[in-house]
Amino acid sequence: MNAPVSFPIPSAAQQCRAHIAELAGVISANAEIVALYAETGDDVGLEYQMRRLILHVRAAAATFRDMAEIENARRAESEAA
């Protein structure tokens, strides 16, 4: 019989950081495409990619706020104990 394998479960804050890192990659790619559309004068593509860029930045900011809230609650809990 094999020994049970344990998989560490990342904390909520770690999951938030990983999500922000993933979004940063998407934001970077969007920014490159925005620059390309701006250079080539494709205003339709530029507007579309700008909207996508803004949505991803907002998602990263919201995730950061969630992470800060989680971390503040964790600190308050540990100080109360």
C-alpha atoms as a PDB file:
ATOM      1  CA  MET A   1       0.000   0.000   0.000  1.00  0.00           C
ATOM      2  CA  ASN A   2       1.358   3.395  -0.945  1.00  0.00           C
ATOM      3  CA  ALA A   3       1.742   6.215   1.527  1.00  0.00           C
ATOM      4  CA  PRO A   4      -0.751   9.034   1.048  1.00  0.00           C
ATOM      5  CA  VAL A   5       0.550  11.912  -0.997  1.00  0.00           C
ATOM      6  CA  SER A   6      -0.084  15.361   0.361  1.00  0.00           C
ATOM      7  CA  PHE A   7      -0.364  18.361  -1.870  1.00  0.00           C
ATOM      8  CA  PRO A   8       0.084  21.736  -0.241  1.00  0.00           C
ATOM      9  CA  ILE A   9      -2.869  24.027  -0.823  1.00  0.00           C
ATOM     10  CA  PRO A  10      -1.759  27.597  -1.522  1.00  0.00           C
ATOM     11  CA  SER A  11      -3.176  30.255   0.751  1.00  0.00           C
ATOM     12  CA  ALA A  12      -5.758  32.674  -0.583  1.00  0.00           C
ATOM     13  CA  ALA A  13      -3.114  35.405  -0.685  1.00  0.00           C
ATOM     14  CA  GLN A  14      -0.758  33.139  -2.662  1.00  0.00           C
ATOM     15  CA  GLN A  15      -3.548  32.368  -5.108  1.00  0.00           C
ATOM     16  CA  CYS A  16      -4.218  36.101  -5.510  1.00  0.00           C
ATOM     17  CA  ARG A  17      -0.528  36.754  -6.178  1.00  0.00           C
ATOM     18  CA  ALA A  18      -0.444  33.967  -8.764  1.00  0.00           C
ATOM     19  CA  HIS A  19      -3.516  35.409 -10.469  1.00  0.00           C
ATOM     20  CA  ILE A  20      -1.961  38.881 -10.534  1.00  0.00           C
ATOM     21  CA  ALA A  21       1.221  37.432 -12.040  1.00  0.00           C
ATOM     22  CA  GLU A  22      -0.826  35.686 -14.727  1.00  0.00           C
ATOM     23  CA  LEU A  23      -2.715  38.885 -15.470  1.00  0.00           C
ATOM     24  CA  ALA A  24       0.572  40.799 -15.687  1.00  0.00           C
ATOM     25  CA  GLY A  25       1.610  38.542 -18.563  1.00  0.00           C
ATOM     26  CA  VAL A  26      -1.681  39.184 -20.346  1.00  0.00           C
ATOM     27  CA  ILE A  27      -1.364  42.925 -19.694  1.00  0.00           C
ATOM     28  CA  SER A  28       2.134  42.907 -21.151  1.00  0.00           C
ATOM     29  CA  ALA A  29       0.962  41.127 -24.290  1.00  0.00           C
ATOM     30  CA  ASN A  30      -2.001  43.527 -24.638  1.00  0.00           C
ATOM     31  CA  ALA A  31       0.313  46.527 -24.269  1.00  0.00           C
ATOM     32  CA  GLU A  32       2.531  45.233 -27.081  1.00  0.00           C
ATOM     33  CA  ILE A  33      -0.490  44.786 -29.340  1.00  0.00           C
ATOM     34  CA  VAL A  34      -1.755  48.276 -28.423  1.00  0.00           C
ATOM     35  CA  ALA A  35       1.599  49.710 -29.473  1.00  0.00           C
ATOM     36  CA  LEU A  36       1.489  47.763 -32.737  1.00  0.00           C
ATOM     37  CA  TYR A  37      -2.018  48.980 -33.579  1.00  0.00           C
ATOM     38  CA  ALA A  38      -1.055  52.558 -32.686  1.00  0.00           C
ATOM     39  CA  GLU A  39       2.025  52.386 -34.916  1.00  0.00           C
ATOM     40  CA  THR A  40       0.107  50.956 -37.857  1.00  0.00           C
ATOM     41  CA  GLY A  41      -2.831  53.358 -37.498  1.00  0.00           C
ATOM     42  CA  ASP A  42      -5.441  50.626 -36.954  1.00  0.00           C
ATOM     43  CA  ASP A  43      -7.857  52.582 -34.784  1.00  0.00           C
ATOM     44  CA  VAL A  44     -10.467  49.806 -34.589  1.00  0.00           C
ATOM     45  CA  GLY A  45      -7.888  47.298 -33.348  1.00  0.00           C
ATOM     46  CA  LEU A  46      -6.395  49.948 -31.082  1.00  0.00           C
ATOM     47  CA  GLU A  47      -9.722  50.649 -29.390  1.00  0.00           C
ATOM     48  CA  TYR A  48     -10.464  46.943 -28.940  1.00  0.00           C
ATOM     49  CA  GLN A  49      -7.068  46.178 -27.428  1.00  0.00           C
ATOM     50  CA  MET A  50      -7.199  49.276 -25.207  1.00  0.00           C
ATOM     51  CA  ARG A  51     -10.517  48.042 -23.791  1.00  0.00           C
ATOM     52  CA  ARG A  52      -9.015  44.607 -23.149  1.00  0.00           C
ATOM     53  CA  LEU A  53      -5.950  46.149 -21.529  1.00  0.00           C
ATOM     54  CA  ILE A  54      -8.112  48.254 -19.213  1.00  0.00           C
ATOM     55  CA  LEU A  55     -10.244  45.244 -18.232  1.00  0.00           C
ATOM     56  CA  HIS A  56      -7.176  43.198 -17.329  1.00  0.00           C
ATOM     57  CA  VAL A  57      -5.626  46.047 -15.325  1.00  0.00           C
ATOM     58  CA  ARG A  58      -8.901  46.495 -13.435  1.00  0.00           C
ATOM     59  CA  ALA A  59      -9.030  42.755 -12.721  1.00  0.00           C
ATOM     60  CA  ALA A  60      -5.463  42.828 -11.371  1.00  0.00           C
ATOM     61  CA  ALA A  61      -6.270  45.846  -9.190  1.00  0.00           C
ATOM     62  CA  ALA A  62      -9.415  44.169  -7.835  1.00  0.00           C
ATOM     63  CA  THR A  63      -7.465  41.003  -7.065  1.00  0.00           C
ATOM     64  CA  PHE A  64      -4.849  43.073  -5.257  1.00  0.00           C
ATOM     65  CA  ARG A  65      -7.558  44.743  -3.152  1.00  0.00           C
ATOM     66  CA  ASP A  66      -8.951  41.292  -2.302  1.00  0.00           C
ATOM     67  CA  MET A  67      -5.485  40.085  -1.326  1.00  0.00           C
ATOM     68  CA  ALA A  68      -4.887  43.135   0.870  1.00  0.00           C
ATOM     69  CA  GLU A  69      -8.212  42.563   2.598  1.00  0.00           C
ATOM     70  CA  ILE A  70      -7.360  38.904   3.214  1.00  0.00           C
ATOM     71  CA  GLU A  71      -3.924  39.788   4.567  1.00  0.00           C
ATOM     72  CA  ASN A  72      -5.317  42.530   6.826  1.00  0.00           C
ATOM     73  CA  ALA A  73      -7.902  40.120   8.246  1.00  0.00           C
ATOM     74  CA  ARG A  74      -5.194  37.494   8.814  1.00  0.00           C
ATOM     75  CA  ARG A  75      -2.986  40.009  10.632  1.00  0.00           C
ATOM     76  CA  ALA A  76      -5.886  41.220  12.791  1.00  0.00           C
ATOM     77  CA  GLU A  77      -6.741  37.628  13.661  1.00  0.00           C
ATOM     78  CA  SER A  78      -3.166  36.780  14.618  1.00  0.00           C
ATOM     79  CA  GLU A  79      -2.859  39.955  16.733  1.00  0.00           C
ATOM     80  CA  ALA A  80      -6.112  39.145  18.542  1.00  0.00           C
ATOM     81  CA  ALA A  81      -4.890  35.655  19.411  1.00  0.00           C
END
